[in-house]
Amino acid sequence: GELVQLLDQITILQFRKDIVTEPDL
């Protein structure tokens, strides 16, 4: 239950890149 809660609460700190293609990976 704590694991599911952790996954549900992970917060995005930064939008690193909005459009990503295979060469960017």
mmCIF file of all heavy atoms, coordinates in Angstrom:
data_MODEL
# 
_entry.id   MODEL 
# 
loop_
_atom_site.group_PDB 
_atom_site.id 
_atom_site.type_symbol 
_atom_site.label_atom_id 
_atom_site.label_alt_id 
_atom_site.label_comp_id 
_atom_site.label_asym_id 
_atom_site.label_entity_id 
_atom_site.label_seq_id 
_atom_site.pdbx_PDB_ins_code 
_atom_site.Cartn_x 
_atom_site.Cartn_y 
_atom_site.Cartn_z 
_atom_site.occupancy 
_atom_site.B_iso_or_equiv 
_atom_site.pdbx_formal_charge 
_atom_site.auth_seq_id 
_atom_site.auth_comp_id 
_atom_site.auth_asym_id 
_atom_site.auth_atom_id 
_atom_site.pdbx_PDB_model_num 
ATOM 1   N N   . GLY A 1 1  ? 0.814  -1.215 0.000   1.00 0.00 ? 1  GLY A N   1 
ATOM 2   C CA  . GLY A 1 1  ? 0.000  0.000  0.000   1.00 0.00 ? 1  GLY A CA  1 
ATOM 3   C C   . GLY A 1 1  ? 0.843  1.259  0.000   1.00 0.00 ? 1  GLY A C   1 
ATOM 4   O O   . GLY A 1 1  ? 0.530  2.231  -0.695  1.00 0.00 ? 1  GLY A O   1 
ATOM 5   N N   . GLU A 1 2  ? 1.951  1.235  0.777   1.00 0.00 ? 2  GLU A N   1 
ATOM 6   C CA  . GLU A 1 2  ? 2.847  2.395  0.807   1.00 0.00 ? 2  GLU A CA  1 
ATOM 7   C C   . GLU A 1 2  ? 3.536  2.593  -0.540  1.00 0.00 ? 2  GLU A C   1 
ATOM 8   O O   . GLU A 1 2  ? 3.780  3.730  -0.964  1.00 0.00 ? 2  GLU A O   1 
ATOM 9   C CB  . GLU A 1 2  ? 3.872  2.216  1.922   1.00 0.00 ? 2  GLU A CB  1 
ATOM 10  C CG  . GLU A 1 2  ? 3.275  2.310  3.321   1.00 0.00 ? 2  GLU A CG  1 
ATOM 11  C CD  . GLU A 1 2  ? 4.285  1.984  4.411   1.00 0.00 ? 2  GLU A CD  1 
ATOM 12  O OE1 . GLU A 1 2  ? 5.382  1.493  4.058   1.00 0.00 ? 2  GLU A OE1 1 
ATOM 13  O OE2 . GLU A 1 2  ? 3.973  2.206  5.596   1.00 0.00 ? 2  GLU A OE2 1 
ATOM 14  N N   . LEU A 1 3  ? 3.843  1.487  -1.229  1.00 0.00 ? 3  LEU A N   1 
ATOM 15  C CA  . LEU A 1 3  ? 4.461  1.581  -2.546  1.00 0.00 ? 3  LEU A CA  1 
ATOM 16  C C   . LEU A 1 3  ? 3.514  2.230  -3.552  1.00 0.00 ? 3  LEU A C   1 
ATOM 17  O O   . LEU A 1 3  ? 3.912  3.124  -4.314  1.00 0.00 ? 3  LEU A O   1 
ATOM 18  C CB  . LEU A 1 3  ? 4.876  0.193  -3.031  1.00 0.00 ? 3  LEU A CB  1 
ATOM 19  C CG  . LEU A 1 3  ? 5.346  0.107  -4.485  1.00 0.00 ? 3  LEU A CG  1 
ATOM 20  C CD1 . LEU A 1 3  ? 6.567  0.992  -4.723  1.00 0.00 ? 3  LEU A CD1 1 
ATOM 21  C CD2 . LEU A 1 3  ? 5.645  -1.341 -4.869  1.00 0.00 ? 3  LEU A CD2 1 
ATOM 22  N N   . VAL A 1 4  ? 2.256  1.787  -3.558  1.00 0.00 ? 4  VAL A N   1 
ATOM 23  C CA  . VAL A 1 4  ? 1.265  2.371  -4.467  1.00 0.00 ? 4  VAL A CA  1 
ATOM 24  C C   . VAL A 1 4  ? 1.092  3.862  -4.166  1.00 0.00 ? 4  VAL A C   1 
ATOM 25  O O   . VAL A 1 4  ? 1.005  4.693  -5.079  1.00 0.00 ? 4  VAL A O   1 
ATOM 26  C CB  . VAL A 1 4  ? -0.086 1.624  -4.348  1.00 0.00 ? 4  VAL A CB  1 
ATOM 27  C CG1 . VAL A 1 4  ? -1.182 2.363  -5.122  1.00 0.00 ? 4  VAL A CG1 1 
ATOM 28  C CG2 . VAL A 1 4  ? 0.059  0.205  -4.867  1.00 0.00 ? 4  VAL A CG2 1 
ATOM 29  N N   . GLN A 1 5  ? 1.077  4.207  -2.883  1.00 0.00 ? 5  GLN A N   1 
ATOM 30  C CA  . GLN A 1 5  ? 0.936  5.615  -2.490  1.00 0.00 ? 5  GLN A CA  1 
ATOM 31  C C   . GLN A 1 5  ? 2.140  6.427  -2.948  1.00 0.00 ? 5  GLN A C   1 
ATOM 32  O O   . GLN A 1 5  ? 2.005  7.566  -3.432  1.00 0.00 ? 5  GLN A O   1 
ATOM 33  C CB  . GLN A 1 5  ? 0.769  5.715  -0.977  1.00 0.00 ? 5  GLN A CB  1 
ATOM 34  C CG  . GLN A 1 5  ? 0.487  7.126  -0.481  1.00 0.00 ? 5  GLN A CG  1 
ATOM 35  C CD  . GLN A 1 5  ? 0.244  7.166  1.019   1.00 0.00 ? 5  GLN A CD  1 
ATOM 36  O OE1 . GLN A 1 5  ? 0.568  6.243  1.747   1.00 0.00 ? 5  GLN A OE1 1 
ATOM 37  N NE2 . GLN A 1 5  ? -0.333 8.260  1.487   1.00 0.00 ? 5  GLN A NE2 1 
ATOM 38  N N   . LEU A 1 6  ? 3.349  5.864  -2.828  1.00 0.00 ? 6  LEU A N   1 
ATOM 39  C CA  . LEU A 1 6  ? 4.563  6.546  -3.279  1.00 0.00 ? 6  LEU A CA  1 
ATOM 40  C C   . LEU A 1 6  ? 4.509  6.799  -4.782  1.00 0.00 ? 6  LEU A C   1 
ATOM 41  O O   . LEU A 1 6  ? 4.787  7.911  -5.247  1.00 0.00 ? 6  LEU A O   1 
ATOM 42  C CB  . LEU A 1 6  ? 5.793  5.707  -2.932  1.00 0.00 ? 6  LEU A CB  1 
ATOM 43  C CG  . LEU A 1 6  ? 7.115  6.155  -3.569  1.00 0.00 ? 6  LEU A CG  1 
ATOM 44  C CD1 . LEU A 1 6  ? 7.524  7.523  -3.039  1.00 0.00 ? 6  LEU A CD1 1 
ATOM 45  C CD2 . LEU A 1 6  ? 8.213  5.124  -3.319  1.00 0.00 ? 6  LEU A CD2 1 
ATOM 46  N N   . LEU A 1 7  ? 4.143  5.781  -5.556  1.00 0.00 ? 7  LEU A N   1 
ATOM 47  C CA  . LEU A 1 7  ? 4.058  5.937  -7.007  1.00 0.00 ? 7  LEU A CA  1 
ATOM 48  C C   . LEU A 1 7  ? 3.041  7.004  -7.384  1.00 0.00 ? 7  LEU A C   1 
ATOM 49  O O   . LEU A 1 7  ? 3.249  7.772  -8.326  1.00 0.00 ? 7  LEU A O   1 
ATOM 50  C CB  . LEU A 1 7  ? 3.685  4.595  -7.647  1.00 0.00 ? 7  LEU A CB  1 
ATOM 51  C CG  . LEU A 1 7  ? 4.760  3.510  -7.603  1.00 0.00 ? 7  LEU A CG  1 
ATOM 52  C CD1 . LEU A 1 7  ? 4.172  2.148  -7.965  1.00 0.00 ? 7  LEU A CD1 1 
ATOM 53  C CD2 . LEU A 1 7  ? 5.908  3.851  -8.547  1.00 0.00 ? 7  LEU A CD2 1 
ATOM 54  N N   . ASP A 1 8  ? 1.944  7.061  -6.650  1.00 0.00 ? 8  ASP A N   1 
ATOM 55  C CA  . ASP A 1 8  ? 0.876  8.018  -6.943  1.00 0.00 ? 8  ASP A CA  1 
ATOM 56  C C   . ASP A 1 8  ? 1.284  9.452  -6.598  1.00 0.00 ? 8  ASP A C   1 
ATOM 57  O O   . ASP A 1 8  ? 0.712  10.402 -7.145  1.00 0.00 ? 8  ASP A O   1 
ATOM 58  C CB  . ASP A 1 8  ? -0.382 7.633  -6.147  1.00 0.00 ? 8  ASP A CB  1 
ATOM 59  C CG  . ASP A 1 8  ? -1.620 8.364  -6.619  1.00 0.00 ? 8  ASP A CG  1 
ATOM 60  O OD1 . ASP A 1 8  ? -2.051 8.121  -7.755  1.00 0.00 ? 8  ASP A OD1 1 
ATOM 61  O OD2 . ASP A 1 8  ? -2.133 9.208  -5.858  1.00 0.00 ? 8  ASP A OD2 1 
ATOM 62  N N   . GLN A 1 9  ? 2.293  9.607  -5.723  1.00 0.00 ? 9  GLN A N   1 
ATOM 63  C CA  . GLN A 1 9  ? 2.654  10.943 -5.249  1.00 0.00 ? 9  GLN A CA  1 
ATOM 64  C C   . GLN A 1 9  ? 3.982  11.457 -5.812  1.00 0.00 ? 9  GLN A C   1 
ATOM 65  O O   . GLN A 1 9  ? 4.419  12.549 -5.433  1.00 0.00 ? 9  GLN A O   1 
ATOM 66  C CB  . GLN A 1 9  ? 2.720  10.941 -3.716  1.00 0.00 ? 9  GLN A CB  1 
ATOM 67  C CG  . GLN A 1 9  ? 1.365  10.706 -3.055  1.00 0.00 ? 9  GLN A CG  1 
ATOM 68  C CD  . GLN A 1 9  ? 1.447  10.653 -1.542  1.00 0.00 ? 9  GLN A CD  1 
ATOM 69  O OE1 . GLN A 1 9  ? 2.533  10.607 -0.965  1.00 0.00 ? 9  GLN A OE1 1 
ATOM 70  N NE2 . GLN A 1 9  ? 0.297  10.641 -0.885  1.00 0.00 ? 9  GLN A NE2 1 
ATOM 71  N N   . ILE A 1 10 ? 4.627  10.702 -6.700  1.00 0.00 ? 10 ILE A N   1 
ATOM 72  C CA  . ILE A 1 10 ? 5.883  11.191 -7.274  1.00 0.00 ? 10 ILE A CA  1 
ATOM 73  C C   . ILE A 1 10 ? 5.608  12.469 -8.054  1.00 0.00 ? 10 ILE A C   1 
ATOM 74  O O   . ILE A 1 10 ? 4.738  12.516 -8.925  1.00 0.00 ? 10 ILE A O   1 
ATOM 75  C CB  . ILE A 1 10 ? 6.524  10.128 -8.185  1.00 0.00 ? 10 ILE A CB  1 
ATOM 76  C CG1 . ILE A 1 10 ? 6.968  8.917  -7.342  1.00 0.00 ? 10 ILE A CG1 1 
ATOM 77  C CG2 . ILE A 1 10 ? 7.718  10.722 -8.925  1.00 0.00 ? 10 ILE A CG2 1 
ATOM 78  C CD1 . ILE A 1 10 ? 7.594  7.811  -8.162  1.00 0.00 ? 10 ILE A CD1 1 
ATOM 79  N N   . THR A 1 11 ? 6.372  13.509 -7.729  1.00 0.00 ? 11 THR A N   1 
ATOM 80  C CA  . THR A 1 11 ? 6.135  14.841 -8.297  1.00 0.00 ? 11 THR A CA  1 
ATOM 81  C C   . THR A 1 11 ? 7.195  15.176 -9.342  1.00 0.00 ? 11 THR A C   1 
ATOM 82  O O   . THR A 1 11 ? 8.390  14.903 -9.146  1.00 0.00 ? 11 THR A O   1 
ATOM 83  C CB  . THR A 1 11 ? 6.178  15.895 -7.181  1.00 0.00 ? 11 THR A CB  1 
ATOM 84  O OG1 . THR A 1 11 ? 5.149  15.596 -6.228  1.00 0.00 ? 11 THR A OG1 1 
ATOM 85  C CG2 . THR A 1 11 ? 5.932  17.295 -7.741  1.00 0.00 ? 11 THR A CG2 1 
ATOM 86  N N   . ILE A 1 12 ? 6.742  15.764 -10.442 1.00 0.00 ? 12 ILE A N   1 
ATOM 87  C CA  . ILE A 1 12 ? 7.648  16.240 -11.480 1.00 0.00 ? 12 ILE A CA  1 
ATOM 88  C C   . ILE A 1 12 ? 8.311  17.528 -10.987 1.00 0.00 ? 12 ILE A C   1 
ATOM 89  O O   . ILE A 1 12 ? 7.625  18.508 -10.679 1.00 0.00 ? 12 ILE A O   1 
ATOM 90  C CB  . ILE A 1 12 ? 6.889  16.497 -12.792 1.00 0.00 ? 12 ILE A CB  1 
ATOM 91  C CG1 . ILE A 1 12 ? 6.299  15.188 -13.326 1.00 0.00 ? 12 ILE A CG1 1 
ATOM 92  C CG2 . ILE A 1 12 ? 7.791  17.148 -13.831 1.00 0.00 ? 12 ILE A CG2 1 
ATOM 93  C CD1 . ILE A 1 12 ? 5.350  15.373 -14.489 1.00 0.00 ? 12 ILE A CD1 1 
ATOM 94  N N   . LEU A 1 13 ? 9.631  17.515 -10.905 1.00 0.00 ? 13 LEU A N   1 
ATOM 95  C CA  . LEU A 1 13 ? 10.361 18.707 -10.469 1.00 0.00 ? 13 LEU A CA  1 
ATOM 96  C C   . LEU A 1 13 ? 10.680 19.625 -11.639 1.00 0.00 ? 13 LEU A C   1 
ATOM 97  O O   . LEU A 1 13 ? 10.756 20.847 -11.483 1.00 0.00 ? 13 LEU A O   1 
ATOM 98  C CB  . LEU A 1 13 ? 11.668 18.305 -9.777  1.00 0.00 ? 13 LEU A CB  1 
ATOM 99  C CG  . LEU A 1 13 ? 11.554 17.457 -8.506  1.00 0.00 ? 13 LEU A CG  1 
ATOM 100 C CD1 . LEU A 1 13 ? 12.943 17.173 -7.946  1.00 0.00 ? 13 LEU A CD1 1 
ATOM 101 C CD2 . LEU A 1 13 ? 10.694 18.157 -7.467  1.00 0.00 ? 13 LEU A CD2 1 
ATOM 102 N N   . GLN A 1 14 ? 10.869 19.049 -12.812 1.00 0.00 ? 14 GLN A N   1 
ATOM 103 C CA  . GLN A 1 14 ? 11.264 19.840 -13.975 1.00 0.00 ? 14 GLN A CA  1 
ATOM 104 C C   . GLN A 1 14 ? 10.759 19.161 -15.243 1.00 0.00 ? 14 GLN A C   1 
ATOM 105 O O   . GLN A 1 14 ? 10.796 17.930 -15.368 1.00 0.00 ? 14 GLN A O   1 
ATOM 106 C CB  . GLN A 1 14 ? 12.789 19.969 -14.029 1.00 0.00 ? 14 GLN A CB  1 
ATOM 107 C CG  . GLN A 1 14 ? 13.297 20.820 -15.188 1.00 0.00 ? 14 GLN A CG  1 
ATOM 108 C CD  . GLN A 1 14 ? 14.814 20.879 -15.226 1.00 0.00 ? 14 GLN A CD  1 
ATOM 109 O OE1 . GLN A 1 14 ? 15.476 20.489 -14.270 1.00 0.00 ? 14 GLN A OE1 1 
ATOM 110 N NE2 . GLN A 1 14 ? 15.367 21.350 -16.329 1.00 0.00 ? 14 GLN A NE2 1 
ATOM 111 N N   . PHE A 1 15 ? 10.260 19.977 -16.174 1.00 0.00 ? 15 PHE A N   1 
ATOM 112 C CA  . PHE A 1 15 ? 9.882  19.472 -17.487 1.00 0.00 ? 15 PHE A CA  1 
ATOM 113 C C   . PHE A 1 15 ? 11.154 19.540 -18.343 1.00 0.00 ? 15 PHE A C   1 
ATOM 114 O O   . PHE A 1 15 ? 11.485 20.571 -18.925 1.00 0.00 ? 15 PHE A O   1 
ATOM 115 C CB  . PHE A 1 15 ? 8.744  20.306 -18.077 1.00 0.00 ? 15 PHE A CB  1 
ATOM 116 C CG  . PHE A 1 15 ? 7.489  20.261 -17.229 1.00 0.00 ? 15 PHE A CG  1 
ATOM 117 C CD1 . PHE A 1 15 ? 7.205  21.279 -16.331 1.00 0.00 ? 15 PHE A CD1 1 
ATOM 118 C CD2 . PHE A 1 15 ? 6.629  19.182 -17.315 1.00 0.00 ? 15 PHE A CD2 1 
ATOM 119 C CE1 . PHE A 1 15 ? 6.072  21.230 -15.537 1.00 0.00 ? 15 PHE A CE1 1 
ATOM 120 C CE2 . PHE A 1 15 ? 5.494  19.123 -16.528 1.00 0.00 ? 15 PHE A CE2 1 
ATOM 121 C CZ  . PHE A 1 15 ? 5.206  20.144 -15.629 1.00 0.00 ? 15 PHE A CZ  1 
ATOM 122 N N   . ARG A 1 16 ? 11.862 18.402 -18.398 1.00 0.00 ? 16 ARG A N   1 
ATOM 123 C CA  . ARG A 1 16 ? 13.200 18.393 -18.977 1.00 0.00 ? 16 ARG A CA  1 
ATOM 124 C C   . ARG A 1 16 ? 13.181 18.679 -20.485 1.00 0.00 ? 16 ARG A C   1 
ATOM 125 O O   . ARG A 1 16 ? 13.915 19.507 -20.985 1.00 0.00 ? 16 ARG A O   1 
ATOM 126 C CB  . ARG A 1 16 ? 13.855 17.030 -18.712 1.00 0.00 ? 16 ARG A CB  1 
ATOM 127 C CG  . ARG A 1 16 ? 15.319 16.970 -19.060 1.00 0.00 ? 16 ARG A CG  1 
ATOM 128 C CD  . ARG A 1 16 ? 16.169 17.625 -18.001 1.00 0.00 ? 16 ARG A CD  1 
ATOM 129 N NE  . ARG A 1 16 ? 16.397 16.736 -16.869 1.00 0.00 ? 16 ARG A NE  1 
ATOM 130 C CZ  . ARG A 1 16 ? 16.937 17.134 -15.719 1.00 0.00 ? 16 ARG A CZ  1 
ATOM 131 N NH1 . ARG A 1 16 ? 17.254 18.405 -15.543 1.00 0.00 ? 16 ARG A NH1 1 
ATOM 132 N NH2 . ARG A 1 16 ? 17.133 16.288 -14.736 1.00 0.00 ? 16 ARG A NH2 1 
ATOM 133 N N   . LYS A 1 17 ? 12.326 17.989 -21.215 1.00 0.00 ? 17 LYS A N   1 
ATOM 134 C CA  . LYS A 1 17 ? 12.229 18.192 -22.660 1.00 0.00 ? 17 LYS A CA  1 
ATOM 135 C C   . LYS A 1 17 ? 10.817 17.775 -23.091 1.00 0.00 ? 17 LYS A C   1 
ATOM 136 O O   . LYS A 1 17 ? 10.367 16.685 -22.759 1.00 0.00 ? 17 LYS A O   1 
ATOM 137 C CB  . LYS A 1 17 ? 13.299 17.373 -23.390 1.00 0.00 ? 17 LYS A CB  1 
ATOM 138 C CG  . LYS A 1 17 ? 13.458 17.713 -24.867 1.00 0.00 ? 17 LYS A CG  1 
ATOM 139 C CD  . LYS A 1 17 ? 14.625 16.949 -25.467 1.00 0.00 ? 17 LYS A CD  1 
ATOM 140 C CE  . LYS A 1 17 ? 14.802 17.242 -26.954 1.00 0.00 ? 17 LYS A CE  1 
ATOM 141 N NZ  . LYS A 1 17 ? 15.129 18.669 -27.227 1.00 0.00 ? 17 LYS A NZ  1 
ATOM 142 N N   . ASP A 1 18 ? 10.139 18.653 -23.855 1.00 0.00 ? 18 ASP A N   1 
ATOM 143 C CA  . ASP A 1 18 ? 8.729  18.406 -24.167 1.00 0.00 ? 18 ASP A CA  1 
ATOM 144 C C   . ASP A 1 18 ? 8.519  17.495 -25.368 1.00 0.00 ? 18 ASP A C   1 
ATOM 145 O O   . ASP A 1 18 ? 7.588  16.706 -25.393 1.00 0.00 ? 18 ASP A O   1 
ATOM 146 C CB  . ASP A 1 18 ? 8.007  19.743 -24.399 1.00 0.00 ? 18 ASP A CB  1 
ATOM 147 C CG  . ASP A 1 18 ? 7.834  20.526 -23.111 1.00 0.00 ? 18 ASP A CG  1 
ATOM 148 O OD1 . ASP A 1 18 ? 7.552  19.880 -22.087 1.00 0.00 ? 18 ASP A OD1 1 
ATOM 149 O OD2 . ASP A 1 18 ? 8.005  21.757 -23.121 1.00 0.00 ? 18 ASP A OD2 1 
ATOM 150 N N   . ILE A 1 19 ? 9.352  17.594 -26.362 1.00 0.00 ? 19 ILE A N   1 
ATOM 151 C CA  . ILE A 1 19 ? 9.243  16.737 -27.542 1.00 0.00 ? 19 ILE A CA  1 
ATOM 152 C C   . ILE A 1 19 ? 10.525 15.932 -27.654 1.00 0.00 ? 19 ILE A C   1 
ATOM 153 O O   . ILE A 1 19 ? 11.608 16.488 -27.919 1.00 0.00 ? 19 ILE A O   1 
ATOM 154 C CB  . ILE A 1 19 ? 9.015  17.557 -28.833 1.00 0.00 ? 19 ILE A CB  1 
ATOM 155 C CG1 . ILE A 1 19 ? 7.778  18.457 -28.682 1.00 0.00 ? 19 ILE A CG1 1 
ATOM 156 C CG2 . ILE A 1 19 ? 8.863  16.619 -30.024 1.00 0.00 ? 19 ILE A CG2 1 
ATOM 157 C CD1 . ILE A 1 19 ? 6.482  17.697 -28.483 1.00 0.00 ? 19 ILE A CD1 1 
ATOM 158 N N   . VAL A 1 20 ? 10.430 14.624 -27.429 1.00 0.00 ? 20 VAL A N   1 
ATOM 159 C CA  . VAL A 1 20 ? 11.604 13.759 -27.398 1.00 0.00 ? 20 VAL A CA  1 
ATOM 160 C C   . VAL A 1 20 ? 11.502 12.744 -28.539 1.00 0.00 ? 20 VAL A C   1 
ATOM 161 O O   . VAL A 1 20 ? 10.465 12.104 -28.726 1.00 0.00 ? 20 VAL A O   1 
ATOM 162 C CB  . VAL A 1 20 ? 11.713 13.035 -26.042 1.00 0.00 ? 20 VAL A CB  1 
ATOM 163 C CG1 . VAL A 1 20 ? 12.885 12.058 -26.059 1.00 0.00 ? 20 VAL A CG1 1 
ATOM 164 C CG2 . VAL A 1 20 ? 11.888 14.049 -24.925 1.00 0.00 ? 20 VAL A CG2 1 
ATOM 165 N N   . THR A 1 21 ? 12.596 12.597 -29.290 1.00 0.00 ? 21 THR A N   1 
ATOM 166 C CA  . THR A 1 21 ? 12.689 11.591 -30.345 1.00 0.00 ? 21 THR A CA  1 
ATOM 167 C C   . THR A 1 21 ? 13.744 10.567 -29.967 1.00 0.00 ? 21 THR A C   1 
ATOM 168 O O   . THR A 1 21 ? 14.499 10.757 -28.995 1.00 0.00 ? 21 THR A O   1 
ATOM 169 C CB  . THR A 1 21 ? 13.037 12.246 -31.692 1.00 0.00 ? 21 THR A CB  1 
ATOM 170 O OG1 . THR A 1 21 ? 14.295 12.911 -31.566 1.00 0.00 ? 21 THR A OG1 1 
ATOM 171 C CG2 . THR A 1 21 ? 11.964 13.259 -32.097 1.00 0.00 ? 21 THR A CG2 1 
ATOM 172 N N   . GLU A 1 22 ? 13.838 9.492  -30.722 1.00 0.00 ? 22 GLU A N   1 
ATOM 173 C CA  . GLU A 1 22 ? 14.782 8.420  -30.407 1.00 0.00 ? 22 GLU A CA  1 
ATOM 174 C C   . GLU A 1 22 ? 16.225 8.913  -30.285 1.00 0.00 ? 22 GLU A C   1 
ATOM 175 O O   . GLU A 1 22 ? 16.950 8.499  -29.372 1.00 0.00 ? 22 GLU A O   1 
ATOM 176 C CB  . GLU A 1 22 ? 14.692 7.319  -31.465 1.00 0.00 ? 22 GLU A CB  1 
ATOM 177 C CG  . GLU A 1 22 ? 13.410 6.495  -31.394 1.00 0.00 ? 22 GLU A CG  1 
ATOM 178 C CD  . GLU A 1 22 ? 13.280 5.737  -30.088 1.00 0.00 ? 22 GLU A CD  1 
ATOM 179 O OE1 . GLU A 1 22 ? 14.293 5.207  -29.590 1.00 0.00 ? 22 GLU A OE1 1 
ATOM 180 O OE2 . GLU A 1 22 ? 12.151 5.688  -29.540 1.00 0.00 ? 22 GLU A OE2 1 
ATOM 181 N N   . PRO A 1 23 ? 16.694 9.814  -31.165 1.00 0.00 ? 23 PRO A N   1 
ATOM 182 C CA  . PRO A 1 23 ? 18.087 10.283 -31.020 1.00 0.00 ? 23 PRO A CA  1 
ATOM 183 C C   . PRO A 1 23 ? 18.347 11.038 -29.717 1.00 0.00 ? 23 PRO A C   1 
ATOM 184 O O   . PRO A 1 23 ? 19.507 11.171 -29.304 1.00 0.00 ? 23 PRO A O   1 
ATOM 185 C CB  . PRO A 1 23 ? 18.264 11.211 -32.234 1.00 0.00 ? 23 PRO A CB  1 
ATOM 186 C CG  . PRO A 1 23 ? 17.276 10.713 -33.235 1.00 0.00 ? 23 PRO A CG  1 
ATOM 187 C CD  . PRO A 1 23 ? 16.084 10.277 -32.430 1.00 0.00 ? 23 PRO A CD  1 
ATOM 188 N N   . ASP A 1 24 ? 17.281 11.525 -29.066 1.00 0.00 ? 24 ASP A N   1 
ATOM 189 C CA  . ASP A 1 24 ? 17.482 12.272 -27.814 1.00 0.00 ? 24 ASP A CA  1 
ATOM 190 C C   . ASP A 1 24 ? 17.680 11.355 -26.618 1.00 0.00 ? 24 ASP A C   1 
ATOM 191 O O   . ASP A 1 24 ? 18.174 11.800 -25.565 1.00 0.00 ? 24 ASP A O   1 
ATOM 192 C CB  . ASP A 1 24 ? 16.258 13.166 -27.541 1.00 0.00 ? 24 ASP A CB  1 
ATOM 193 C CG  . ASP A 1 24 ? 16.038 14.195 -28.620 1.00 0.00 ? 24 ASP A CG  1 
ATOM 194 O OD1 . ASP A 1 24 ? 17.029 14.761 -29.092 1.00 0.00 ? 24 ASP A OD1 1 
ATOM 195 O OD2 . ASP A 1 24 ? 14.861 14.444 -28.982 1.00 0.00 ? 24 ASP A OD2 1 
ATOM 196 N N   . LEU A 1 25 ? 17.277 10.099 -26.725 1.00 0.00 ? 25 LEU A N   1 
ATOM 197 C CA  . LEU A 1 25 ? 17.223 9.219  -25.554 1.00 0.00 ? 25 LEU A CA  1 
ATOM 198 C C   . LEU A 1 25 ? 18.586 8.954  -24.911 1.00 0.00 ? 25 LEU A C   1 
ATOM 199 O O   . LEU A 1 25 ? 18.686 8.957  -23.681 1.00 0.00 ? 25 LEU A O   1 
ATOM 200 C CB  . LEU A 1 25 ? 16.540 7.899  -25.928 1.00 0.00 ? 25 LEU A CB  1 
ATOM 201 C CG  . LEU A 1 25 ? 15.062 8.021  -26.352 1.00 0.00 ? 25 LEU A CG  1 
ATOM 202 C CD1 . LEU A 1 25 ? 14.491 6.654  -26.698 1.00 0.00 ? 25 LEU A CD1 1 
ATOM 203 C CD2 . LEU A 1 25 ? 14.237 8.665  -25.233 1.00 0.00 ? 25 LEU A CD2 1 
# 
